[in-house]
Amino acid sequence: MKDKDTLIQFLDEKVLLPAETHPNADQRIKKKVRLTRMRLNQCQDGDKVEHYFWSAMATDGGIDSYRSLSRIGATTFEDVREEFKRLCKN
């Protein structure tokens, strides 16, 4: 089973924290990051974190987040998906 804390830490270090602290991140982006972090922490295990990651990219909100983060030059879930996929297999 995938370790929930390891997966969340990876996403926090690679995507969420850099986006939240990006100099061009507005309040809307910061709010999306906080909500994403909250949802991830509510996941019961690593499998649920993995499912959330893949599902989030396909939602309207996820697509909007991708566009917002890309616009300011921040890393997105899409940018780290290969590394995340490898981490999930370990």
C-alpha atoms as a PDB file:
ATOM      1  CA  MET A   1       0.000   0.000   0.000  1.00  0.00           C
ATOM      2  CA  LYS A   2       1.175   3.494  -0.798  1.00  0.00           C
ATOM      3  CA  ASP A   3       2.105   5.653   2.167  1.00  0.00           C
ATOM      4  CA  LYS A   4      -0.359   8.545   2.491  1.00  0.00           C
ATOM      5  CA  ASP A   5       2.105  10.874   4.226  1.00  0.00           C
ATOM      6  CA  THR A   6       4.840  10.277   1.646  1.00  0.00           C
ATOM      7  CA  LEU A   7       2.486  11.046  -1.252  1.00  0.00           C
ATOM      8  CA  ILE A   8       1.107  14.175   0.402  1.00  0.00           C
ATOM      9  CA  GLN A   9       4.596  15.380   1.304  1.00  0.00           C
ATOM     10  CA  PHE A  10       5.690  14.905  -2.313  1.00  0.00           C
ATOM     11  CA  LEU A  11       2.737  16.933  -3.634  1.00  0.00           C
ATOM     12  CA  ASP A  12       3.197  19.595  -0.983  1.00  0.00           C
ATOM     13  CA  GLU A  13       6.910  20.012  -1.724  1.00  0.00           C
ATOM     14  CA  LYS A  14       6.661  19.801  -5.516  1.00  0.00           C
ATOM     15  CA  VAL A  15       3.368  21.597  -6.252  1.00  0.00           C
ATOM     16  CA  LEU A  16       1.372  23.034  -3.383  1.00  0.00           C
ATOM     17  CA  LEU A  17       3.948  24.949  -1.344  1.00  0.00           C
ATOM     18  CA  PRO A  18       5.768  26.407  -4.374  1.00  0.00           C
ATOM     19  CA  ALA A  19       2.423  27.545  -5.844  1.00  0.00           C
ATOM     20  CA  GLU A  20       1.223  28.989  -2.552  1.00  0.00           C
ATOM     21  CA  THR A  21       4.432  30.959  -2.011  1.00  0.00           C
ATOM     22  CA  HIS A  22       4.932  31.965  -5.653  1.00  0.00           C
ATOM     23  CA  PRO A  23       5.345  35.750  -5.867  1.00  0.00           C
ATOM     24  CA  ASN A  24       2.608  35.975  -8.517  1.00  0.00           C
ATOM     25  CA  ALA A  25       0.100  33.755  -6.698  1.00  0.00           C
ATOM     26  CA  ASP A  26      -3.079  35.682  -5.997  1.00  0.00           C
ATOM     27  CA  GLN A  27      -5.553  34.964  -3.193  1.00  0.00           C
ATOM     28  CA  ARG A  28      -7.611  32.723  -5.465  1.00  0.00           C
ATOM     29  CA  ILE A  29      -4.630  30.448  -6.149  1.00  0.00           C
ATOM     30  CA  LYS A  30      -3.676  30.395  -2.469  1.00  0.00           C
ATOM     31  CA  LYS A  31      -7.232  29.435  -1.533  1.00  0.00           C
ATOM     32  CA  LYS A  32      -7.240  26.591  -4.114  1.00  0.00           C
ATOM     33  CA  VAL A  33      -3.951  25.313  -2.694  1.00  0.00           C
ATOM     34  CA  ARG A  34      -5.281  25.350   0.871  1.00  0.00           C
ATOM     35  CA  LEU A  35      -8.452  23.516  -0.196  1.00  0.00           C
ATOM     36  CA  THR A  36      -6.419  20.924  -2.106  1.00  0.00           C
ATOM     37  CA  ARG A  37      -4.167  20.365   0.893  1.00  0.00           C
ATOM     38  CA  MET A  38      -7.230  19.969   3.128  1.00  0.00           C
ATOM     39  CA  ARG A  39      -8.786  17.427   0.753  1.00  0.00           C
ATOM     40  CA  LEU A  40      -5.561  15.451   0.537  1.00  0.00           C
ATOM     41  CA  ASN A  41      -5.266  15.324   4.322  1.00  0.00           C
ATOM     42  CA  GLN A  42      -8.841  14.041   4.537  1.00  0.00           C
ATOM     43  CA  CYS A  43      -7.940  11.046   2.384  1.00  0.00           C
ATOM     44  CA  GLN A  44      -7.902   7.905   4.497  1.00  0.00           C
ATOM     45  CA  ASP A  45      -4.900   6.219   2.901  1.00  0.00           C
ATOM     46  CA  GLY A  46      -2.354   6.385   0.108  1.00  0.00           C
ATOM     47  CA  ASP A  47      -4.691   4.766  -2.402  1.00  0.00           C
ATOM     48  CA  LYS A  48      -7.219   7.551  -1.833  1.00  0.00           C
ATOM     49  CA  VAL A  49      -4.486  10.190  -2.275  1.00  0.00           C
ATOM     50  CA  GLU A  50      -3.487   8.568  -5.554  1.00  0.00           C
ATOM     51  CA  HIS A  51      -7.107   8.457  -6.702  1.00  0.00           C
ATOM     52  CA  TYR A  52      -7.600  12.123  -5.747  1.00  0.00           C
ATOM     53  CA  PHE A  53      -4.472  13.132  -7.690  1.00  0.00           C
ATOM     54  CA  TRP A  54      -5.578  11.468 -10.925  1.00  0.00           C
ATOM     55  CA  SER A  55      -9.203  12.535 -10.581  1.00  0.00           C
ATOM     56  CA  ALA A  56      -8.412  16.150  -9.742  1.00  0.00           C
ATOM     57  CA  MET A  57      -6.697  16.768 -13.068  1.00  0.00           C
ATOM     58  CA  ALA A  58      -9.840  15.781 -14.979  1.00  0.00           C
ATOM     59  CA  THR A  59     -12.310  18.035 -13.157  1.00  0.00           C
ATOM     60  CA  ASP A  60     -13.276  21.558 -14.204  1.00  0.00           C
ATOM     61  CA  GLY A  61     -11.686  22.836 -11.000  1.00  0.00           C
ATOM     62  CA  GLY A  62      -8.501  20.913 -11.718  1.00  0.00           C
ATOM     63  CA  ILE A  63      -8.314  22.262 -15.245  1.00  0.00           C
ATOM     64  CA  ASP A  64      -8.870  25.784 -13.910  1.00  0.00           C
ATOM     65  CA  SER A  65      -6.096  25.262 -11.343  1.00  0.00           C
ATOM     66  CA  TYR A  66      -3.773  24.003 -14.064  1.00  0.00           C
ATOM     67  CA  ARG A  67      -4.421  27.116 -16.138  1.00  0.00           C
ATOM     68  CA  SER A  68      -4.007  29.458 -13.174  1.00  0.00           C
ATOM     69  CA  LEU A  69      -0.755  27.859 -12.035  1.00  0.00           C
ATOM     70  CA  SER A  70       0.630  27.624 -15.559  1.00  0.00           C
ATOM     71  CA  ARG A  71      -0.141  31.290 -16.151  1.00  0.00           C
ATOM     72  CA  ILE A  72       2.153  32.317 -13.286  1.00  0.00           C
ATOM     73  CA  GLY A  73       4.810  29.725 -14.128  1.00  0.00           C
ATOM     74  CA  ALA A  74       4.171  27.464 -11.139  1.00  0.00           C
ATOM     75  CA  THR A  75       4.478  23.687 -11.166  1.00  0.00           C
ATOM     76  CA  THR A  76       1.219  21.759 -11.611  1.00  0.00           C
ATOM     77  CA  PHE A  77       0.007  18.226 -10.883  1.00  0.00           C
ATOM     78  CA  GLU A  78       0.414  17.567 -14.603  1.00  0.00           C
ATOM     79  CA  ASP A  79       4.091  18.541 -14.416  1.00  0.00           C
ATOM     80  CA  VAL A  80       4.848  15.949 -11.723  1.00  0.00           C
ATOM     81  CA  ARG A  81       2.581  13.115 -12.852  1.00  0.00           C
ATOM     82  CA  GLU A  82       5.373  10.797 -14.052  1.00  0.00           C
ATOM     83  CA  GLU A  83       7.330  11.191 -10.827  1.00  0.00           C
ATOM     84  CA  PHE A  84       4.132  10.757  -8.784  1.00  0.00           C
ATOM     85  CA  LYS A  85       3.280   7.624 -10.761  1.00  0.00           C
ATOM     86  CA  ARG A  86       6.722   6.139  -9.975  1.00  0.00           C
ATOM     87  CA  LEU A  87       6.335   7.052  -6.306  1.00  0.00           C
ATOM     88  CA  CYS A  88       2.974   5.256  -6.196  1.00  0.00           C
ATOM     89  CA  LYS A  89       4.529   2.077  -7.610  1.00  0.00           C
ATOM     90  CA  ASN A  90       7.200   1.917  -4.896  1.00  0.00           C
END
